[in-house]
Amino acid sequence: PILPRLQPRLYSISSSNVSSPRHVEITVGVVHATTDDGVVIKGVCSNYIAGLSPGTDGAHVSIHQSSFRAPRNLESPVIL
């Protein structure tokens, strides 16, 4: 191969399975930066996702079990 295979990108699900049990939403910051030399750097996966058309395009995804558990006391502060 000419280029090495890209490593999987991991994103957190930002939607609730209670309100949307059949759909998953993620929040992605699109990477677009310019170096001091004027070279434009675009994130491969974030720009790919940003270019998808909802309802038309899709992407291969897999969902993994999370180890995150909310505290029992719902009044406890949580830093995410």
PDB file of N, CA and C in Angstrom:
ATOM      1  N   PRO A   1       0.820  -1.203   0.000  1.00  0.00           N
ATOM      2  CA  PRO A   1       0.000   0.000   0.000  1.00  0.00           C
ATOM      3  C   PRO A   1       0.861   1.264   0.000  1.00  0.00           C
ATOM      4  N   ILE A   2       0.345   2.276  -0.633  1.00  0.00           N
ATOM      5  CA  ILE A   2       1.083   3.535  -0.719  1.00  0.00           C
ATOM      6  C   ILE A   2       1.038   4.281   0.608  1.00  0.00           C
ATOM      7  N   LEU A   3      -0.137   4.333   1.224  1.00  0.00           N
ATOM      8  CA  LEU A   3      -0.296   5.008   2.500  1.00  0.00           C
ATOM      9  C   LEU A   3      -0.698   3.995   3.572  1.00  0.00           C
ATOM     10  N   PRO A   4      -0.288   4.232   4.802  1.00  0.00           N
ATOM     11  CA  PRO A   4      -0.703   3.310   5.866  1.00  0.00           C
ATOM     12  C   PRO A   4      -2.204   3.449   6.139  1.00  0.00           C
ATOM     13  N   ARG A   5      -2.806   2.382   6.612  1.00  0.00           N
ATOM     14  CA  ARG A   5      -4.223   2.378   6.943  1.00  0.00           C
ATOM     15  C   ARG A   5      -4.484   3.367   8.090  1.00  0.00           C
ATOM     16  N   LEU A   6      -5.556   4.135   7.982  1.00  0.00           N
ATOM     17  CA  LEU A   6      -5.907   5.076   9.042  1.00  0.00           C
ATOM     18  C   LEU A   6      -6.379   4.338  10.283  1.00  0.00           C
ATOM     19  N   GLN A   7      -6.021   4.843  11.429  1.00  0.00           N
ATOM     20  CA  GLN A   7      -6.488   4.289  12.690  1.00  0.00           C
ATOM     21  C   GLN A   7      -7.932   4.724  12.919  1.00  0.00           C
ATOM     22  N   PRO A   8      -8.724   3.901  13.590  1.00  0.00           N
ATOM     23  CA  PRO A   8     -10.110   4.291  13.867  1.00  0.00           C
ATOM     24  C   PRO A   8     -10.156   5.565  14.708  1.00  0.00           C
ATOM     25  N   ARG A   9     -11.162   6.390  14.462  1.00  0.00           N
ATOM     26  CA  ARG A   9     -11.388   7.586  15.268  1.00  0.00           C
ATOM     27  C   ARG A   9     -12.486   7.250  16.270  1.00  0.00           C
ATOM     28  N   LEU A  10     -12.286   7.640  17.517  1.00  0.00           N
ATOM     29  CA  LEU A  10     -13.269   7.367  18.562  1.00  0.00           C
ATOM     30  C   LEU A  10     -13.989   8.656  18.924  1.00  0.00           C
ATOM     31  N   TYR A  11     -15.299   8.621  18.902  1.00  0.00           N
ATOM     32  CA  TYR A  11     -16.127   9.772  19.249  1.00  0.00           C
ATOM     33  C   TYR A  11     -17.110   9.366  20.326  1.00  0.00           C
ATOM     34  N   SER A  12     -17.513  10.326  21.130  1.00  0.00           N
ATOM     35  CA  SER A  12     -18.512  10.066  22.162  1.00  0.00           C
ATOM     36  C   SER A  12     -19.900  10.355  21.601  1.00  0.00           C
ATOM     37  N   ILE A  13     -20.844   9.521  21.982  1.00  0.00           N
ATOM     38  CA  ILE A  13     -22.236   9.728  21.577  1.00  0.00           C
ATOM     39  C   ILE A  13     -22.794  10.885  22.392  1.00  0.00           C
ATOM     40  N   SER A  14     -23.416  11.849  21.726  1.00  0.00           N
ATOM     41  CA  SER A  14     -23.955  13.010  22.429  1.00  0.00           C
ATOM     42  C   SER A  14     -25.477  12.992  22.503  1.00  0.00           C
ATOM     43  N   SER A  15     -26.098  11.958  21.985  1.00  0.00           N
ATOM     44  CA  SER A  15     -27.556  11.858  22.063  1.00  0.00           C
ATOM     45  C   SER A  15     -27.948  10.867  23.151  1.00  0.00           C
ATOM     46  N   SER A  16     -29.196  10.931  23.546  1.00  0.00           N
ATOM     47  CA  SER A  16     -29.704  10.056  24.595  1.00  0.00           C
ATOM     48  C   SER A  16     -30.396   8.853  23.973  1.00  0.00           C
ATOM     49  N   ASN A  17     -30.078   7.663  24.470  1.00  0.00           N
ATOM     50  CA  ASN A  17     -30.767   6.480  23.967  1.00  0.00           C
ATOM     51  C   ASN A  17     -32.191   6.414  24.509  1.00  0.00           C
ATOM     52  N   VAL A  18     -32.517   7.235  25.490  1.00  0.00           N
ATOM     53  CA  VAL A  18     -33.892   7.298  25.998  1.00  0.00           C
ATOM     54  C   VAL A  18     -34.783   8.052  25.006  1.00  0.00           C
ATOM     55  N   SER A  19     -34.293   9.206  24.519  1.00  0.00           N
ATOM     56  CA  SER A  19     -35.106  10.001  23.591  1.00  0.00           C
ATOM     57  C   SER A  19     -34.961   9.545  22.139  1.00  0.00           C
ATOM     58  N   SER A  20     -33.837   8.928  21.784  1.00  0.00           N
ATOM     59  CA  SER A  20     -33.609   8.457  20.413  1.00  0.00           C
ATOM     60  C   SER A  20     -33.007   7.060  20.440  1.00  0.00           C
ATOM     61  N   PRO A  21     -33.800   6.039  20.756  1.00  0.00           N
ATOM     62  CA  PRO A  21     -33.224   4.699  20.898  1.00  0.00           C
ATOM     63  C   PRO A  21     -32.704   4.092  19.596  1.00  0.00           C
ATOM     64  N   ARG A  22     -33.145   4.585  18.439  1.00  0.00           N
ATOM     65  CA  ARG A  22     -32.728   4.001  17.161  1.00  0.00           C
ATOM     66  C   ARG A  22     -31.756   4.885  16.384  1.00  0.00           C
ATOM     67  N   HIS A  23     -31.379   6.027  16.952  1.00  0.00           N
ATOM     68  CA  HIS A  23     -30.456   6.935  16.274  1.00  0.00           C
ATOM     69  C   HIS A  23     -29.338   7.341  17.214  1.00  0.00           C
ATOM     70  N   VAL A  24     -28.170   7.556  16.638  1.00  0.00           N
ATOM     71  CA  VAL A  24     -27.007   7.997  17.399  1.00  0.00           C
ATOM     72  C   VAL A  24     -26.545   9.324  16.819  1.00  0.00           C
ATOM     73  N   GLU A  25     -26.298  10.277  17.693  1.00  0.00           N
ATOM     74  CA  GLU A  25     -25.746  11.559  17.275  1.00  0.00           C
ATOM     75  C   GLU A  25     -24.405  11.751  17.965  1.00  0.00           C
ATOM     76  N   ILE A  26     -23.457  12.306  17.211  1.00  0.00           N
ATOM     77  CA  ILE A  26     -22.154  12.622  17.783  1.00  0.00           C
ATOM     78  C   ILE A  26     -21.885  14.107  17.569  1.00  0.00           C
ATOM     79  N   THR A  27     -21.045  14.671  18.402  1.00  0.00           N
ATOM     80  CA  THR A  27     -20.617  16.057  18.238  1.00  0.00           C
ATOM     81  C   THR A  27     -19.160  16.016  17.819  1.00  0.00           C
ATOM     82  N   VAL A  28     -18.861  16.652  16.682  1.00  0.00           N
ATOM     83  CA  VAL A  28     -17.511  16.609  16.121  1.00  0.00           C
ATOM     84  C   VAL A  28     -17.031  18.029  15.855  1.00  0.00           C
ATOM     85  N   GLY A  29     -15.858  18.359  16.336  1.00  0.00           N
ATOM     86  CA  GLY A  29     -15.222  19.624  15.983  1.00  0.00           C
ATOM     87  C   GLY A  29     -14.441  19.410  14.694  1.00  0.00           C
ATOM     88  N   VAL A  30     -14.763  20.176  13.664  1.00  0.00           N
ATOM     89  CA  VAL A  30     -14.095  20.022  12.367  1.00  0.00           C
ATOM     90  C   VAL A  30     -12.712  20.672  12.452  1.00  0.00           C
ATOM     91  N   VAL A  31     -11.686  19.874  12.164  1.00  0.00           N
ATOM     92  CA  VAL A  31     -10.305  20.354  12.255  1.00  0.00           C
ATOM     93  C   VAL A  31      -9.912  21.050  10.963  1.00  0.00           C
ATOM     94  N   HIS A  32      -9.578  22.334  11.093  1.00  0.00           N
ATOM     95  CA  HIS A  32      -9.128  23.135   9.952  1.00  0.00           C
ATOM     96  C   HIS A  32      -8.179  24.182  10.508  1.00  0.00           C
ATOM     97  N   ALA A  33      -6.904  24.056  10.199  1.00  0.00           N
ATOM     98  CA  ALA A  33      -5.900  24.961  10.758  1.00  0.00           C
ATOM     99  C   ALA A  33      -4.887  25.354   9.693  1.00  0.00           C
ATOM    100  N   THR A  34      -4.214  26.450   9.938  1.00  0.00           N
ATOM    101  CA  THR A  34      -3.151  26.907   9.048  1.00  0.00           C
ATOM    102  C   THR A  34      -1.872  27.010   9.872  1.00  0.00           C
ATOM    103  N   THR A  35      -0.794  26.419   9.358  1.00  0.00           N
ATOM    104  CA  THR A  35       0.487  26.480  10.067  1.00  0.00           C
ATOM    105  C   THR A  35       1.107  27.864   9.896  1.00  0.00           C
ATOM    106  N   ASP A  36       2.169  28.116  10.629  1.00  0.00           N
ATOM    107  CA  ASP A  36       2.881  29.396  10.505  1.00  0.00           C
ATOM    108  C   ASP A  36       3.433  29.595   9.098  1.00  0.00           C
ATOM    109  N   ASP A  37       3.643  28.477   8.375  1.00  0.00           N
ATOM    110  CA  ASP A  37       4.165  28.550   7.007  1.00  0.00           C
ATOM    111  C   ASP A  37       3.049  28.723   5.981  1.00  0.00           C
ATOM    112  N   GLY A  38       1.787  28.808   6.437  1.00  0.00           N
ATOM    113  CA  GLY A  38       0.666  28.998   5.521  1.00  0.00           C
ATOM    114  C   GLY A  38       0.093  27.713   4.963  1.00  0.00           C
ATOM    115  N   VAL A  39       0.533  26.577   5.475  1.00  0.00           N
ATOM    116  CA  VAL A  39       0.025  25.292   5.009  1.00  0.00           C
ATOM    117  C   VAL A  39      -1.303  24.997   5.715  1.00  0.00           C
ATOM    118  N   VAL A  40      -2.348  24.685   4.932  1.00  0.00           N
ATOM    119  CA  VAL A  40      -3.658  24.375   5.491  1.00  0.00           C
ATOM    120  C   VAL A  40      -3.710  22.899   5.870  1.00  0.00           C
ATOM    121  N   ILE A  41      -4.110  22.637   7.100  1.00  0.00           N
ATOM    122  CA  ILE A  41      -4.231  21.264   7.595  1.00  0.00           C
ATOM    123  C   ILE A  41      -5.703  21.008   7.899  1.00  0.00           C
ATOM    124  N   LYS A  42      -6.259  19.967   7.285  1.00  0.00           N
ATOM    125  CA  LYS A  42      -7.653  19.606   7.527  1.00  0.00           C
ATOM    126  C   LYS A  42      -7.699  18.204   8.117  1.00  0.00           C
ATOM    127  N   GLY A  43      -8.487  18.048   9.162  1.00  0.00           N
ATOM    128  CA  GLY A  43      -8.656  16.736   9.766  1.00  0.00           C
ATOM    129  C   GLY A  43      -9.346  15.796   8.790  1.00  0.00           C
ATOM    130  N   VAL A  44      -8.789  14.621   8.598  1.00  0.00           N
ATOM    131  CA  VAL A  44      -9.314  13.677   7.612  1.00  0.00           C
ATOM    132  C   VAL A  44     -10.731  13.235   7.963  1.00  0.00           C
ATOM    133  N   CYS A  45     -10.912  12.731   9.170  1.00  0.00           N
ATOM    134  CA  CYS A  45     -12.212  12.163   9.530  1.00  0.00           C
ATOM    135  C   CYS A  45     -13.249  13.238   9.836  1.00  0.00           C
ATOM    136  N   SER A  46     -12.853  14.297  10.555  1.00  0.00           N
ATOM    137  CA  SER A  46     -13.832  15.328  10.902  1.00  0.00           C
ATOM    138  C   SER A  46     -14.356  16.027   9.647  1.00  0.00           C
ATOM    139  N   ASN A  47     -13.508  16.256   8.657  1.00  0.00           N
ATOM    140  CA  ASN A  47     -13.965  16.883   7.413  1.00  0.00           C
ATOM    141  C   ASN A  47     -14.797  15.916   6.579  1.00  0.00           C
ATOM    142  N   TYR A  48     -14.469  14.631   6.632  1.00  0.00           N
ATOM    143  CA  TYR A  48     -15.295  13.634   5.946  1.00  0.00           C
ATOM    144  C   TYR A  48     -16.707  13.621   6.524  1.00  0.00           C
ATOM    145  N   ILE A  49     -16.788  13.585   7.854  1.00  0.00           N
ATOM    146  CA  ILE A  49     -18.100  13.564   8.510  1.00  0.00           C
ATOM    147  C   ILE A  49     -18.864  14.847   8.198  1.00  0.00           C
ATOM    148  N   ALA A  50     -18.179  15.990   8.227  1.00  0.00           N
ATOM    149  CA  ALA A  50     -18.837  17.269   7.949  1.00  0.00           C
ATOM    150  C   ALA A  50     -19.391  17.325   6.525  1.00  0.00           C
ATOM    151  N   GLY A  51     -18.787  16.585   5.606  1.00  0.00           N
ATOM    152  CA  GLY A  51     -19.230  16.592   4.220  1.00  0.00           C
ATOM    153  C   GLY A  51     -20.358  15.621   3.907  1.00  0.00           C
ATOM    154  N   LEU A  52     -20.760  14.807   4.886  1.00  0.00           N
ATOM    155  CA  LEU A  52     -21.849  13.854   4.658  1.00  0.00           C
ATOM    156  C   LEU A  52     -23.190  14.574   4.607  1.00  0.00           C
ATOM    157  N   SER A  53     -24.096  14.069   3.781  1.00  0.00           N
ATOM    158  CA  SER A  53     -25.450  14.616   3.694  1.00  0.00           C
ATOM    159  C   SER A  53     -26.379  13.780   4.559  1.00  0.00           C
ATOM    160  N   PRO A  54     -26.980  14.379   5.596  1.00  0.00           N
ATOM    161  CA  PRO A  54     -27.889  13.629   6.471  1.00  0.00           C
ATOM    162  C   PRO A  54     -29.027  12.986   5.680  1.00  0.00           C
ATOM    163  N   GLY A  55     -29.301  11.734   5.975  1.00  0.00           N
ATOM    164  CA  GLY A  55     -30.384  11.019   5.309  1.00  0.00           C
ATOM    165  C   GLY A  55     -29.992  10.416   3.980  1.00  0.00           C
ATOM    166  N   THR A  56     -28.827  10.801   3.460  1.00  0.00           N
ATOM    167  CA  THR A  56     -28.374  10.295   2.164  1.00  0.00           C
ATOM    168  C   THR A  56     -27.095   9.485   2.300  1.00  0.00           C
ATOM    169  N   ASP A  57     -26.088  10.093   2.922  1.00  0.00           N
ATOM    170  CA  ASP A  57     -24.786   9.458   3.085  1.00  0.00           C
ATOM    171  C   ASP A  57     -24.715   8.717   4.415  1.00  0.00           C
ATOM    172  N   GLY A  58     -23.757   7.840   4.519  1.00  0.00           N
ATOM    173  CA  GLY A  58     -23.550   7.109   5.757  1.00  0.00           C
ATOM    174  C   GLY A  58     -22.085   6.848   5.977  1.00  0.00           C
ATOM    175  N   ALA A  59     -21.768   6.275   7.101  1.00  0.00           N
ATOM    176  CA  ALA A  59     -20.393   5.928   7.432  1.00  0.00           C
ATOM    177  C   ALA A  59     -20.409   4.615   8.203  1.00  0.00           C
ATOM    178  N   HIS A  60     -19.330   3.873   8.127  1.00  0.00           N
ATOM    179  CA  HIS A  60     -19.208   2.632   8.889  1.00  0.00           C
ATOM    180  C   HIS A  60     -18.921   2.981  10.345  1.00  0.00           C
ATOM    181  N   VAL A  61     -19.720   2.478  11.229  1.00  0.00           N
ATOM    182  CA  VAL A  61     -19.528   2.760  12.656  1.00  0.00           C
ATOM    183  C   VAL A  61     -19.639   1.487  13.464  1.00  0.00           C
ATOM    184  N   SER A  62     -19.071   1.519  14.639  1.00  0.00           N
ATOM    185  CA  SER A  62     -19.283   0.452  15.619  1.00  0.00           C
ATOM    186  C   SER A  62     -19.410   1.126  16.978  1.00  0.00           C
ATOM    187  N   ILE A  63     -20.260   0.569  17.808  1.00  0.00           N
ATOM    188  CA  ILE A  63     -20.504   1.136  19.128  1.00  0.00           C
ATOM    189  C   ILE A  63     -19.941   0.188  20.167  1.00  0.00           C
ATOM    190  N   HIS A  64     -19.128   0.739  21.050  1.00  0.00           N
ATOM    191  CA  HIS A  64     -18.494  -0.043  22.100  1.00  0.00           C
ATOM    192  C   HIS A  64     -19.104   0.299  23.450  1.00  0.00           C
ATOM    193  N   GLN A  65     -19.172  -0.665  24.323  1.00  0.00           N
ATOM    194  CA  GLN A  65     -19.680  -0.458  25.673  1.00  0.00           C
ATOM    195  C   GLN A  65     -18.783   0.539  26.409  1.00  0.00           C
ATOM    196  N   SER A  66     -19.382   1.485  27.067  1.00  0.00           N
ATOM    197  CA  SER A  66     -18.631   2.488  27.807  1.00  0.00           C
ATOM    198  C   SER A  66     -18.426   2.055  29.256  1.00  0.00           C
ATOM    199  N   SER A  67     -17.319   2.493  29.825  1.00  0.00           N
ATOM    200  CA  SER A  67     -17.079   2.225  31.241  1.00  0.00           C
ATOM    201  C   SER A  67     -17.571   3.379  32.113  1.00  0.00           C
ATOM    202  N   PHE A  68     -18.044   4.461  31.482  1.00  0.00           N
ATOM    203  CA  PHE A  68     -18.527   5.616  32.241  1.00  0.00           C
ATOM    204  C   PHE A  68     -19.814   5.278  32.976  1.00  0.00           C
ATOM    205  N   ARG A  69     -19.869   5.668  34.227  1.00  0.00           N
ATOM    206  CA  ARG A  69     -21.083   5.515  35.023  1.00  0.00           C
ATOM    207  C   ARG A  69     -21.303   6.816  35.771  1.00  0.00           C
ATOM    208  N   ALA A  70     -22.495   7.357  35.682  1.00  0.00           N
ATOM    209  CA  ALA A  70     -22.822   8.580  36.408  1.00  0.00           C
ATOM    210  C   ALA A  70     -22.837   8.282  37.896  1.00  0.00           C
ATOM    211  N   PRO A  71     -22.525   9.288  38.711  1.00  0.00           N
ATOM    212  CA  PRO A  71     -22.574   9.054  40.147  1.00  0.00           C
ATOM    213  C   PRO A  71     -24.002   8.762  40.615  1.00  0.00           C
ATOM    214  N   ARG A  72     -24.121   7.989  41.668  1.00  0.00           N
ATOM    215  CA  ARG A  72     -25.455   7.657  42.193  1.00  0.00           C
ATOM    216  C   ARG A  72     -26.193   8.912  42.645  1.00  0.00           C
ATOM    217  N   ASN A  73     -25.444   9.826  43.261  1.00  0.00           N
ATOM    218  CA  ASN A  73     -26.037  11.088  43.688  1.00  0.00           C
ATOM    219  C   ASN A  73     -26.066  12.031  42.488  1.00  0.00           C
ATOM    220  N   LEU A  74     -27.234  12.291  41.943  1.00  0.00           N
ATOM    221  CA  LEU A  74     -27.360  13.119  40.747  1.00  0.00           C
ATOM    222  C   LEU A  74     -27.002  14.582  41.005  1.00  0.00           C
ATOM    223  N   GLU A  75     -26.840  14.956  42.269  1.00  0.00           N
ATOM    224  CA  GLU A  75     -26.429  16.321  42.611  1.00  0.00           C
ATOM    225  C   GLU A  75     -24.911  16.484  42.564  1.00  0.00           C
ATOM    226  N   SER A  76     -24.181  15.368  42.452  1.00  0.00           N
ATOM    227  CA  SER A  76     -22.711  15.425  42.422  1.00  0.00           C
ATOM    228  C   SER A  76     -22.230  16.082  41.124  1.00  0.00           C
ATOM    229  N   PRO A  77     -21.244  16.970  41.216  1.00  0.00           N
ATOM    230  CA  PRO A  77     -20.699  17.579  39.984  1.00  0.00           C
ATOM    231  C   PRO A  77     -19.900  16.532  39.189  1.00  0.00           C
ATOM    232  N   VAL A  78     -19.953  16.653  37.881  1.00  0.00           N
ATOM    233  CA  VAL A  78     -19.236  15.737  36.998  1.00  0.00           C
ATOM    234  C   VAL A  78     -18.457  16.559  35.975  1.00  0.00           C
ATOM    235  N   ILE A  79     -17.191  16.249  35.802  1.00  0.00           N
ATOM    236  CA  ILE A  79     -16.377  16.883  34.779  1.00  0.00           C
ATOM    237  C   ILE A  79     -16.224  15.888  33.642  1.00  0.00           C
ATOM    238  N   LEU A  80     -16.636  16.269  32.448  1.00  0.00           N
ATOM    239  CA  LEU A  80     -16.542  15.370  31.295  1.00  0.00           C
ATOM    240  C   LEU A  80     -15.485  15.876  30.342  1.00  0.00           C
TER     241      LEU A  80
END
